[in-house]
Amino acid sequence: MKKKFFALMMAMTMVLSLAACGGETAETTNDDTTSEGTASGTAFKIGTIGPLTGDAAIYGQAVANGAAIAVEEINAAGGDIQFELKSEDDVNDGETSVNAYNTLMDWGMQLLVGPTTTGPSVSVAAKCYEDRTFMLTPSASSTDVTSGKDNVFQVCFTDPNQGTSSADYMAENMADAKIYILYQNDDAYSQGIRDAFVSEAEAKGLTIVDEGTFTKDTATDFSVQLTAAQAAGADTLFLPMYYQPASVILNQANAMGYAPTFFGVDGMDGILTMEGFDASLAEGVMLLTPFSATLEENQSFVQAYQDQFGETPNQFAADAYDAVYILKEALEAAGCTADMSAADICEALVPTMTTLSHDGLTGKGMNWSADGAVSKDPTAFVIQDGVYVLPQ
């Protein structure tokens, strides 16, 4: 009886898979999202992992959405490369992210676009290296993610790149700035950018008047650090952090009448759409990011994203969109087919990645070194009237 029931369920599953040809999107739940591709056996299975719920959900949802749009476009265009996509929630937690990875592997995942954030990516990268699963994280930027793992690559520029580029921009455009650095010392992302910034700032002769730190548990009150920055005469606050603590800093600085130039990095992308945050407080904020929804060349993607999800895409969505197209290009170059095992696909893609040059939303001529890092340049934007614009 059990065998008959199992056979019936398998038959129903095959029918549903065939009905999903053409890249239509399946139902979405709070736990995961599945976008069906072509019939089982003819589509590569891609997984994404990220915080679909919780404080960092803006990032994870954007990654899942951006990847879904790319999958739908590729499947609709036809061709030998077709995809089936499934997204899992890790609530920005390393252990949960590993569990999500295991769930996707049970599903039959062959390629991973993720995880979204750095901490979970470090944990999952170790599993991918052990299992020989190819991993392309759209947005985790720490070198700890890729270090010692030949099958783990990044779409976003690295933490050192962001720190160095921020200092270089200031040296060229804000040479007289009196800089106060405020960073999260229990977060690899924030610490890594800070370290590279300090090194480059010193080399370029920038003036750092002081710095302050915080932890995840103390990210609700920055009055001490802001008071210290103001007392030190800082006219520029460098904030290598995610948008949640940055939103608190902007609120508290405004309340105390302190209005320096705030200079952030790509983790602050998302602050304009953060629930409960007064976006007017971000007016004049500068940040480095590889993507702006206001640029003409990005409008096709922006319109598709707005039509499907009802909001403007951020850098994380664009990175994930690029990641799927990068995988398509790599699979074509390596001659992979969907009936190959995840491990065989991995071994084919590892040498292929270093031969690619990809033009995407987040960079032109993107290419990768053997250590997994991408070569592309971030761009400085300033927030004006609620949008990113190039500084004048």
Foldseek 3Di string as FASTA:
>chain_A
DVVVVVVVVVVVVQVVLQVLEQFQWDDDDLFKGKTRYHGPQQAAEEEEEEACDADLNLLQVLLLLLLSVLQNVVRNVDDSYHHIYMYGHQNPDQVSLCVRVVVSVVVQHQAYADDREANNLLNVLVVCQVVQFAYEYLHYAELSNLPPRLRYAYLDFHLLQFLLQVLVVCLVPVQAFAEEEEFEPVGRSRVSSVVSNVVNNVVSVHHHQYYYYHHPVGLQDCPVVLVVCVVSVGQEYEYAAAQPSVLNVLVVCVVVVHHHAYEYEQNNWPNLVDPPGDNVSQAFHKYWALAFCPDPVCVVVQVVSCVVPVDGRTRSSQSSNVVSVLLVVLCVVLVDGNNDHSNVSSVSRSVSQQVDQDCGRRAGGWGADSSRGIDGHIAMFTAHPSGTDHDD
